[in-house]
């Protein structure tokens, strides 16, 4: 008689989940304790009660967004536009890399090597201080272009890997049905590739959200810049930075959970 595998039983599964939760909570408690001990030795006076007014406030009986929420809206605007352009740049570059044209492949290679081997901050400052006066573009456009070009270089490799991973038989089947290359990509190749590259695309989207904090270096009042302005005025250094980090964490975790849900629905659809 076969022995039962206790590691596959629902009880063991629930127990392992609770153990993981407890471990996570212990780590969080340990981090909080270390921070509290460090600030205590520094003689820092915590003033968390002053933070909520910079998120929301009541004026004339109405809930009003604070400067951190205003900065968050700017962050959403920048990342939203940048994300669309990132996917466009990435997909076009991937097509160039896979093209039969020597010129297209060369341009794609130059773009990739130039972007991936220089820091984002340098690219952002170069666009804003060197190219924007020549092209007559504002700081918002400079920030969006810098983020899109930087993230697009990495997204292009994700797209290319996904396209290459589709079996060649799928191409042959598409051509046998009378499709041209454009329709083969549209109806056969890309739908299969997207399912395979969804997790790394989400990771790159999360990186884009975090990298958007660098736009504060060119005086765009996003979430990070608003936090810096409030800190300069109130000296709530630790409280504000922890609050800003928590907001970024909430956004990225929510995005990751949403995509995980989509992945599960797609697998159920299959």
C-alpha atoms as a PDB file:
ATOM      1  CA  UNK A   1       0.000   0.000   0.000  1.00  0.00           C
ATOM      2  CA  UNK A   2       1.379   3.386  -1.059  1.00  0.00           C
ATOM      3  CA  UNK A   3       2.223   5.818   1.700  1.00  0.00           C
ATOM      4  CA  UNK A   4       0.387   9.173   1.534  1.00  0.00           C
ATOM      5  CA  UNK A   5       2.450  12.194   0.506  1.00  0.00           C
ATOM      6  CA  UNK A   6       1.796  14.580   3.376  1.00  0.00           C
ATOM      7  CA  UNK A   7       3.459  17.474   1.525  1.00  0.00           C
ATOM      8  CA  UNK A   8       0.620  17.412  -1.019  1.00  0.00           C
ATOM      9  CA  UNK A   9      -2.242  17.414   1.489  1.00  0.00           C
ATOM     10  CA  UNK A  10      -4.356  20.577   1.967  1.00  0.00           C
ATOM     11  CA  UNK A  11      -3.423  20.706   5.674  1.00  0.00           C
ATOM     12  CA  UNK A  12       0.292  20.728   4.912  1.00  0.00           C
ATOM     13  CA  UNK A  13      -0.243  23.372   2.220  1.00  0.00           C
ATOM     14  CA  UNK A  14      -2.128  25.669   4.607  1.00  0.00           C
ATOM     15  CA  UNK A  15       0.459  25.077   7.334  1.00  0.00           C
ATOM     16  CA  UNK A  16       3.321  26.012   5.015  1.00  0.00           C
ATOM     17  CA  UNK A  17       1.457  29.179   4.026  1.00  0.00           C
ATOM     18  CA  UNK A  18       1.051  30.211   7.665  1.00  0.00           C
ATOM     19  CA  UNK A  19       4.709  29.466   8.353  1.00  0.00           C
ATOM     20  CA  UNK A  20       5.722  31.699   5.434  1.00  0.00           C
ATOM     21  CA  UNK A  21       3.452  34.494   6.706  1.00  0.00           C
ATOM     22  CA  UNK A  22       4.936  34.222  10.204  1.00  0.00           C
ATOM     23  CA  UNK A  23       8.472  34.339   8.808  1.00  0.00           C
ATOM     24  CA  UNK A  24       7.599  37.422   6.771  1.00  0.00           C
ATOM     25  CA  UNK A  25       6.098  39.165   9.804  1.00  0.00           C
ATOM     26  CA  UNK A  26       9.169  38.324  11.904  1.00  0.00           C
ATOM     27  CA  UNK A  27      11.430  39.849   9.246  1.00  0.00           C
ATOM     28  CA  UNK A  28       9.281  43.016   9.146  1.00  0.00           C
ATOM     29  CA  UNK A  29       9.331  43.255  12.952  1.00  0.00           C
ATOM     30  CA  UNK A  30      13.113  42.824  12.929  1.00  0.00           C
ATOM     31  CA  UNK A  31      13.537  45.610  10.370  1.00  0.00           C
ATOM     32  CA  UNK A  32      11.256  47.937  12.343  1.00  0.00           C
ATOM     33  CA  UNK A  33      13.208  47.169  15.522  1.00  0.00           C
ATOM     34  CA  UNK A  34      16.538  47.945  13.829  1.00  0.00           C
ATOM     35  CA  UNK A  35      15.178  51.232  12.457  1.00  0.00           C
ATOM     36  CA  UNK A  36      13.760  52.197  15.842  1.00  0.00           C
ATOM     37  CA  UNK A  37      17.048  51.414  17.596  1.00  0.00           C
ATOM     38  CA  UNK A  38      19.026  53.382  15.028  1.00  0.00           C
ATOM     39  CA  UNK A  39      16.836  56.471  15.202  1.00  0.00           C
ATOM     40  CA  UNK A  40      16.767  56.263  19.010  1.00  0.00           C
ATOM     41  CA  UNK A  41      20.553  56.451  19.115  1.00  0.00           C
ATOM     42  CA  UNK A  42      20.443  59.368  16.688  1.00  0.00           C
ATOM     43  CA  UNK A  43      17.989  61.151  18.951  1.00  0.00           C
ATOM     44  CA  UNK A  44      15.420  61.385  16.144  1.00  0.00           C
ATOM     45  CA  UNK A  45      11.906  62.436  17.161  1.00  0.00           C
ATOM     46  CA  UNK A  46       9.259  60.592  15.130  1.00  0.00           C
ATOM     47  CA  UNK A  47       6.328  62.776  14.051  1.00  0.00           C
ATOM     48  CA  UNK A  48       4.090  60.480  12.033  1.00  0.00           C
ATOM     49  CA  UNK A  49       0.996  62.487  13.009  1.00  0.00           C
ATOM     50  CA  UNK A  50       2.153  65.252  10.626  1.00  0.00           C
ATOM     51  CA  UNK A  51       2.344  62.994   7.565  1.00  0.00           C
ATOM     52  CA  UNK A  52      -1.377  62.400   6.713  1.00  0.00           C
ATOM     53  CA  UNK A  53      -1.954  66.070   5.851  1.00  0.00           C
ATOM     54  CA  UNK A  54       0.484  65.701   2.952  1.00  0.00           C
ATOM     55  CA  UNK A  55      -1.530  62.786   1.560  1.00  0.00           C
ATOM     56  CA  UNK A  56      -5.123  63.925   2.157  1.00  0.00           C
ATOM     57  CA  UNK A  57      -6.627  66.801   4.060  1.00  0.00           C
ATOM     58  CA  UNK A  58     -10.116  68.089   4.869  1.00  0.00           C
ATOM     59  CA  UNK A  59     -10.922  71.592   3.703  1.00  0.00           C
ATOM     60  CA  UNK A  60     -14.428  73.001   4.129  1.00  0.00           C
ATOM     61  CA  UNK A  61     -15.695  69.499   4.843  1.00  0.00           C
ATOM     62  CA  UNK A  62     -14.243  68.109   1.585  1.00  0.00           C
ATOM     63  CA  UNK A  63     -11.454  65.575   1.157  1.00  0.00           C
ATOM     64  CA  UNK A  64      -8.603  67.246  -0.722  1.00  0.00           C
ATOM     65  CA  UNK A  65      -5.552  65.558  -2.208  1.00  0.00           C
ATOM     66  CA  UNK A  66      -2.268  66.553  -0.635  1.00  0.00           C
ATOM     67  CA  UNK A  67       1.002  67.284  -2.442  1.00  0.00           C
ATOM     68  CA  UNK A  68       2.104  63.631  -2.320  1.00  0.00           C
ATOM     69  CA  UNK A  69      -1.044  62.573  -4.182  1.00  0.00           C
ATOM     70  CA  UNK A  70      -0.521  65.403  -6.682  1.00  0.00           C
ATOM     71  CA  UNK A  71       3.003  64.102  -7.241  1.00  0.00           C
ATOM     72  CA  UNK A  72       1.684  60.570  -7.561  1.00  0.00           C
ATOM     73  CA  UNK A  73      -0.661  61.693 -10.359  1.00  0.00           C
ATOM     74  CA  UNK A  74       2.326  63.171 -12.198  1.00  0.00           C
ATOM     75  CA  UNK A  75       4.176  59.885 -11.718  1.00  0.00           C
ATOM     76  CA  UNK A  76       1.208  57.971 -13.152  1.00  0.00           C
ATOM     77  CA  UNK A  77       1.060  60.331 -16.124  1.00  0.00           C
ATOM     78  CA  UNK A  78       4.758  59.959 -16.898  1.00  0.00           C
ATOM     79  CA  UNK A  79       4.825  56.178 -16.432  1.00  0.00           C
ATOM     80  CA  UNK A  80       1.608  55.680 -18.404  1.00  0.00           C
ATOM     81  CA  UNK A  81       2.867  57.528 -21.485  1.00  0.00           C
ATOM     82  CA  UNK A  82       6.350  56.048 -21.102  1.00  0.00           C
ATOM     83  CA  UNK A  83       4.973  52.510 -20.840  1.00  0.00           C
ATOM     84  CA  UNK A  84       3.097  52.824 -24.136  1.00  0.00           C
ATOM     85  CA  UNK A  85       6.162  54.245 -25.906  1.00  0.00           C
ATOM     86  CA  UNK A  86       8.382  51.620 -24.261  1.00  0.00           C
ATOM     87  CA  UNK A  87       6.354  48.803 -25.794  1.00  0.00           C
ATOM     88  CA  UNK A  88       6.360  50.575 -29.176  1.00  0.00           C
ATOM     89  CA  UNK A  89      10.148  51.121 -29.146  1.00  0.00           C
ATOM     90  CA  UNK A  90      10.716  47.606 -27.866  1.00  0.00           C
ATOM     91  CA  UNK A  91       8.529  45.924 -30.470  1.00  0.00           C
ATOM     92  CA  UNK A  92       9.938  47.947 -33.378  1.00  0.00           C
ATOM     93  CA  UNK A  93      13.510  47.235 -32.251  1.00  0.00           C
ATOM     94  CA  UNK A  94      12.732  43.529 -31.924  1.00  0.00           C
ATOM     95  CA  UNK A  95      11.361  43.517 -35.494  1.00  0.00           C
ATOM     96  CA  UNK A  96      14.522  45.298 -36.666  1.00  0.00           C
ATOM     97  CA  UNK A  97      16.700  42.710 -34.909  1.00  0.00           C
ATOM     98  CA  UNK A  98      14.817  39.894 -36.662  1.00  0.00           C
ATOM     99  CA  UNK A  99      14.711  41.667 -40.030  1.00  0.00           C
ATOM    100  CA  UNK A 100      16.573  40.508 -43.134  1.00  0.00           C
ATOM    101  CA  UNK A 101      17.732  44.087 -43.681  1.00  0.00           C
ATOM    102  CA  UNK A 102      21.351  44.717 -42.708  1.00  0.00           C
ATOM    103  CA  UNK A 103      20.638  48.406 -42.099  1.00  0.00           C
ATOM    104  CA  UNK A 104      17.703  47.633 -39.758  1.00  0.00           C
ATOM    105  CA  UNK A 105      19.756  45.135 -37.751  1.00  0.00           C
ATOM    106  CA  UNK A 106      22.669  47.594 -37.508  1.00  0.00           C
ATOM    107  CA  UNK A 107      20.446  50.445 -36.290  1.00  0.00           C
ATOM    108  CA  UNK A 108      18.860  48.166 -33.695  1.00  0.00           C
ATOM    109  CA  UNK A 109      22.251  46.981 -32.464  1.00  0.00           C
ATOM    110  CA  UNK A 110      23.595  50.548 -32.156  1.00  0.00           C
ATOM    111  CA  UNK A 111      20.499  51.615 -30.232  1.00  0.00           C
ATOM    112  CA  UNK A 112      20.717  48.653 -27.860  1.00  0.00           C
ATOM    113  CA  UNK A 113      24.418  48.981 -27.132  1.00  0.00           C
ATOM    114  CA  UNK A 114      24.209  52.740 -26.665  1.00  0.00           C
ATOM    115  CA  UNK A 115      21.230  52.629 -24.289  1.00  0.00           C
ATOM    116  CA  UNK A 116      22.075  49.519 -22.271  1.00  0.00           C
ATOM    117  CA  UNK A 117      25.673  50.556 -21.614  1.00  0.00           C
ATOM    118  CA  UNK A 118      25.002  54.058 -20.297  1.00  0.00           C
ATOM    119  CA  UNK A 119      23.178  55.034 -17.071  1.00  0.00           C
ATOM    120  CA  UNK A 120      19.595  56.242 -17.256  1.00  0.00           C
ATOM    121  CA  UNK A 121      20.463  59.367 -15.267  1.00  0.00           C
ATOM    122  CA  UNK A 122      23.110  60.365 -17.817  1.00  0.00           C
ATOM    123  CA  UNK A 123      20.640  59.820 -20.669  1.00  0.00           C
ATOM    124  CA  UNK A 124      17.991  61.874 -18.884  1.00  0.00           C
ATOM    125  CA  UNK A 125      20.356  64.793 -18.252  1.00  0.00           C
ATOM    126  CA  UNK A 126      21.695  64.610 -21.817  1.00  0.00           C
ATOM    127  CA  UNK A 127      18.195  64.754 -23.290  1.00  0.00           C
ATOM    128  CA  UNK A 128      17.117  67.629 -21.078  1.00  0.00           C
ATOM    129  CA  UNK A 129      20.219  69.825 -21.065  1.00  0.00           C
ATOM    130  CA  UNK A 130      21.616  69.075 -24.551  1.00  0.00           C
ATOM    131  CA  UNK A 131      18.860  67.931 -26.905  1.00  0.00           C
ATOM    132  CA  UNK A 132      15.783  69.665 -25.487  1.00  0.00           C
ATOM    133  CA  UNK A 133      17.072  73.201 -26.279  1.00  0.00           C
ATOM    134  CA  UNK A 134      17.849  72.058 -29.839  1.00  0.00           C
ATOM    135  CA  UNK A 135      14.580  70.185 -30.375  1.00  0.00           C
ATOM    136  CA  UNK A 136      12.549  72.704 -28.334  1.00  0.00           C
ATOM    137  CA  UNK A 137      10.900  70.109 -26.080  1.00  0.00           C
ATOM    138  CA  UNK A 138       9.822  70.583 -22.488  1.00  0.00           C
ATOM    139  CA  UNK A 139      11.028  68.688 -19.429  1.00  0.00           C
ATOM    140  CA  UNK A 140       8.020  66.349 -19.383  1.00  0.00           C
ATOM    141  CA  UNK A 141       8.727  65.208 -22.959  1.00  0.00           C
ATOM    142  CA  UNK A 142      12.416  64.835 -22.162  1.00  0.00           C
ATOM    143  CA  UNK A 143      11.594  62.641 -19.166  1.00  0.00           C
ATOM    144  CA  UNK A 144       9.172  60.473 -21.143  1.00  0.00           C
ATOM    145  CA  UNK A 145      11.638  60.017 -24.013  1.00  0.00           C
ATOM    146  CA  UNK A 146      14.502  59.121 -21.685  1.00  0.00           C
ATOM    147  CA  UNK A 147      12.444  56.539 -19.794  1.00  0.00           C
ATOM    148  CA  UNK A 148      10.907  55.094 -22.972  1.00  0.00           C
ATOM    149  CA  UNK A 149      14.202  54.738 -24.819  1.00  0.00           C
ATOM    150  CA  UNK A 150      15.934  53.215 -21.798  1.00  0.00           C
ATOM    151  CA  UNK A 151      13.238  50.678 -20.929  1.00  0.00           C
ATOM    152  CA  UNK A 152      12.484  50.019 -24.613  1.00  0.00           C
ATOM    153  CA  UNK A 153      15.988  48.626 -25.117  1.00  0.00           C
ATOM    154  CA  UNK A 154      15.350  45.936 -22.496  1.00  0.00           C
ATOM    155  CA  UNK A 155      11.778  45.282 -23.607  1.00  0.00           C
ATOM    156  CA  UNK A 156      12.995  44.721 -27.180  1.00  0.00           C
ATOM    157  CA  UNK A 157      15.102  41.769 -26.035  1.00  0.00           C
ATOM    158  CA  UNK A 158      12.121  40.362 -24.155  1.00  0.00           C
ATOM    159  CA  UNK A 159       9.962  40.635 -27.276  1.00  0.00           C
ATOM    160  CA  UNK A 160      12.666  39.141 -29.471  1.00  0.00           C
ATOM    161  CA  UNK A 161      13.147  36.177 -27.124  1.00  0.00           C
ATOM    162  CA  UNK A 162       9.395  35.566 -27.069  1.00  0.00           C
ATOM    163  CA  UNK A 163       9.114  35.704 -30.865  1.00  0.00           C
ATOM    164  CA  UNK A 164      12.107  33.405 -31.378  1.00  0.00           C
ATOM    165  CA  UNK A 165      10.652  30.909 -28.878  1.00  0.00           C
ATOM    166  CA  UNK A 166       7.586  30.324 -31.075  1.00  0.00           C
ATOM    167  CA  UNK A 167       8.168  27.104 -33.070  1.00  0.00           C
ATOM    168  CA  UNK A 168       8.985  27.531 -36.760  1.00  0.00           C
ATOM    169  CA  UNK A 169       6.072  25.275 -37.581  1.00  0.00           C
ATOM    170  CA  UNK A 170       3.750  28.122 -36.583  1.00  0.00           C
ATOM    171  CA  UNK A 171       5.305  30.322 -39.272  1.00  0.00           C
ATOM    172  CA  UNK A 172       4.944  27.572 -41.840  1.00  0.00           C
ATOM    173  CA  UNK A 173       1.312  27.047 -40.873  1.00  0.00           C
ATOM    174  CA  UNK A 174       0.622  30.792 -41.183  1.00  0.00           C
ATOM    175  CA  UNK A 175       2.229  31.001 -44.624  1.00  0.00           C
ATOM    176  CA  UNK A 176       0.384  27.873 -45.756  1.00  0.00           C
ATOM    177  CA  UNK A 177      -2.876  29.659 -44.934  1.00  0.00           C
ATOM    178  CA  UNK A 178      -1.899  32.486 -47.272  1.00  0.00           C
ATOM    179  CA  UNK A 179      -0.886  35.001 -44.593  1.00  0.00           C
ATOM    180  CA  UNK A 180       1.866  37.519 -45.171  1.00  0.00           C
ATOM    181  CA  UNK A 181       4.477  38.330 -42.518  1.00  0.00           C
ATOM    182  CA  UNK A 182       2.420  41.146 -40.974  1.00  0.00           C
ATOM    183  CA  UNK A 183      -0.691  38.981 -40.550  1.00  0.00           C
ATOM    184  CA  UNK A 184       1.417  36.063 -39.290  1.00  0.00           C
ATOM    185  CA  UNK A 185       2.791  38.311 -36.554  1.00  0.00           C
ATOM    186  CA  UNK A 186      -0.648  39.744 -35.780  1.00  0.00           C
ATOM    187  CA  UNK A 187      -2.706  36.577 -35.584  1.00  0.00           C
ATOM    188  CA  UNK A 188      -0.263  33.720 -34.931  1.00  0.00           C
ATOM    189  CA  UNK A 189       3.138  34.707 -33.545  1.00  0.00           C
ATOM    190  CA  UNK A 190       2.565  37.669 -31.203  1.00  0.00           C
ATOM    191  CA  UNK A 191      -0.457  36.175 -29.360  1.00  0.00           C
ATOM    192  CA  UNK A 192       1.668  33.142 -28.481  1.00  0.00           C
ATOM    193  CA  UNK A 193       4.753  35.214 -27.675  1.00  0.00           C
ATOM    194  CA  UNK A 194       2.862  37.587 -25.361  1.00  0.00           C
ATOM    195  CA  UNK A 195       1.767  34.729 -23.110  1.00  0.00           C
ATOM    196  CA  UNK A 196       5.361  33.585 -22.729  1.00  0.00           C
ATOM    197  CA  UNK A 197       6.877  37.003 -22.078  1.00  0.00           C
ATOM    198  CA  UNK A 198       4.180  38.432 -19.795  1.00  0.00           C
ATOM    199  CA  UNK A 199       6.135  37.878 -16.517  1.00  0.00           C
ATOM    200  CA  UNK A 200       9.351  39.621 -17.701  1.00  0.00           C
ATOM    201  CA  UNK A 201       7.261  42.425 -19.223  1.00  0.00           C
ATOM    202  CA  UNK A 202       5.638  42.984 -15.826  1.00  0.00           C
ATOM    203  CA  UNK A 203       9.068  43.103 -14.184  1.00  0.00           C
ATOM    204  CA  UNK A 204      10.146  45.726 -16.702  1.00  0.00           C
ATOM    205  CA  UNK A 205       6.973  47.745 -16.064  1.00  0.00           C
ATOM    206  CA  UNK A 206       7.747  47.671 -12.337  1.00  0.00           C
ATOM    207  CA  UNK A 207      11.282  48.875 -13.108  1.00  0.00           C
ATOM    208  CA  UNK A 208       9.834  51.701 -15.169  1.00  0.00           C
ATOM    209  CA  UNK A 209       7.682  52.859 -12.257  1.00  0.00           C
ATOM    210  CA  UNK A 210      10.682  52.854  -9.922  1.00  0.00           C
ATOM    211  CA  UNK A 211      13.009  54.478 -12.456  1.00  0.00           C
ATOM    212  CA  UNK A 212      10.510  57.299 -12.952  1.00  0.00           C
ATOM    213  CA  UNK A 213      11.716  58.699  -9.607  1.00  0.00           C
ATOM    214  CA  UNK A 214      14.803  59.973 -11.454  1.00  0.00           C
ATOM    215  CA  UNK A 215      12.746  62.605 -13.284  1.00  0.00           C
ATOM    216  CA  UNK A 216      12.905  64.627 -10.074  1.00  0.00           C
ATOM    217  CA  UNK A 217      16.491  65.513 -11.088  1.00  0.00           C
ATOM    218  CA  UNK A 218      15.115  67.792 -13.815  1.00  0.00           C
ATOM    219  CA  UNK A 219      12.623  69.452 -11.442  1.00  0.00           C
ATOM    220  CA  UNK A 220       9.494  67.548 -12.436  1.00  0.00           C
ATOM    221  CA  UNK A 221       7.238  67.497  -9.409  1.00  0.00           C
ATOM    222  CA  UNK A 222       6.495  63.808  -9.327  1.00  0.00           C
ATOM    223  CA  UNK A 223       6.047  61.827  -6.115  1.00  0.00           C
ATOM    224  CA  UNK A 224       9.757  61.880  -5.270  1.00  0.00           C
ATOM    225  CA  UNK A 225      10.204  65.590  -5.987  1.00  0.00           C
ATOM    226  CA  UNK A 226       7.134  66.478  -3.924  1.00  0.00           C
ATOM    227  CA  UNK A 227       8.590  64.455  -1.065  1.00  0.00           C
ATOM    228  CA  UNK A 228      11.905  66.271  -1.313  1.00  0.00           C
ATOM    229  CA  UNK A 229      10.141  69.652  -1.257  1.00  0.00           C
ATOM    230  CA  UNK A 230       8.126  68.687   1.840  1.00  0.00           C
ATOM    231  CA  UNK A 231      11.243  67.355   3.605  1.00  0.00           C
ATOM    232  CA  UNK A 232      13.101  70.602   2.892  1.00  0.00           C
ATOM    233  CA  UNK A 233      10.238  72.493   4.511  1.00  0.00           C
ATOM    234  CA  UNK A 234       9.353  70.237   7.458  1.00  0.00           C
ATOM    235  CA  UNK A 235      12.510  68.134   8.116  1.00  0.00           C
ATOM    236  CA  UNK A 236      10.329  64.997   8.321  1.00  0.00           C
ATOM    237  CA  UNK A 237      13.080  63.019   6.631  1.00  0.00           C
ATOM    238  CA  UNK A 238      12.426  59.457   7.714  1.00  0.00           C
ATOM    239  CA  UNK A 239       8.635  59.743   7.854  1.00  0.00           C
ATOM    240  CA  UNK A 240       8.344  61.129   4.326  1.00  0.00           C
ATOM    241  CA  UNK A 241      10.824  58.758   2.713  1.00  0.00           C
ATOM    242  CA  UNK A 242       9.183  55.730   4.341  1.00  0.00           C
ATOM    243  CA  UNK A 243       5.783  56.986   3.176  1.00  0.00           C
ATOM    244  CA  UNK A 244       7.021  57.480  -0.381  1.00  0.00           C
ATOM    245  CA  UNK A 245       8.622  54.023  -0.379  1.00  0.00           C
ATOM    246  CA  UNK A 246       5.349  52.505   0.882  1.00  0.00           C
ATOM    247  CA  UNK A 247       3.410  54.204  -1.931  1.00  0.00           C
ATOM    248  CA  UNK A 248       5.804  52.869  -4.570  1.00  0.00           C
ATOM    249  CA  UNK A 249       5.633  49.424  -2.964  1.00  0.00           C
ATOM    250  CA  UNK A 250       1.833  49.445  -2.988  1.00  0.00           C
ATOM    251  CA  UNK A 251       1.729  50.392  -6.678  1.00  0.00           C
ATOM    252  CA  UNK A 252       4.245  47.782  -7.825  1.00  0.00           C
ATOM    253  CA  UNK A 253       2.765  44.979  -5.709  1.00  0.00           C
ATOM    254  CA  UNK A 254      -0.731  45.788  -6.982  1.00  0.00           C
ATOM    255  CA  UNK A 255       0.533  45.682 -10.566  1.00  0.00           C
ATOM    256  CA  UNK A 256       2.277  42.346  -9.992  1.00  0.00           C
ATOM    257  CA  UNK A 257      -0.816  40.806  -8.389  1.00  0.00           C
ATOM    258  CA  UNK A 258      -3.018  42.052 -11.224  1.00  0.00           C
ATOM    259  CA  UNK A 259      -0.788  40.489 -13.859  1.00  0.00           C
ATOM    260  CA  UNK A 260      -0.588  37.241 -11.877  1.00  0.00           C
ATOM    261  CA  UNK A 261      -4.380  37.124 -11.906  1.00  0.00           C
ATOM    262  CA  UNK A 262      -4.352  37.682 -15.674  1.00  0.00           C
ATOM    263  CA  UNK A 263      -1.836  34.863 -16.121  1.00  0.00           C
ATOM    264  CA  UNK A 264      -4.058  32.469 -14.212  1.00  0.00           C
ATOM    265  CA  UNK A 265      -7.089  33.456 -16.275  1.00  0.00           C
ATOM    266  CA  UNK A 266      -5.104  32.918 -19.475  1.00  0.00           C
ATOM    267  CA  UNK A 267      -4.033  29.460 -18.314  1.00  0.00           C
ATOM    268  CA  UNK A 268      -7.639  28.611 -17.464  1.00  0.00           C
ATOM    269  CA  UNK A 269      -8.624  29.804 -20.926  1.00  0.00           C
ATOM    270  CA  UNK A 270      -6.081  27.434 -22.450  1.00  0.00           C
END
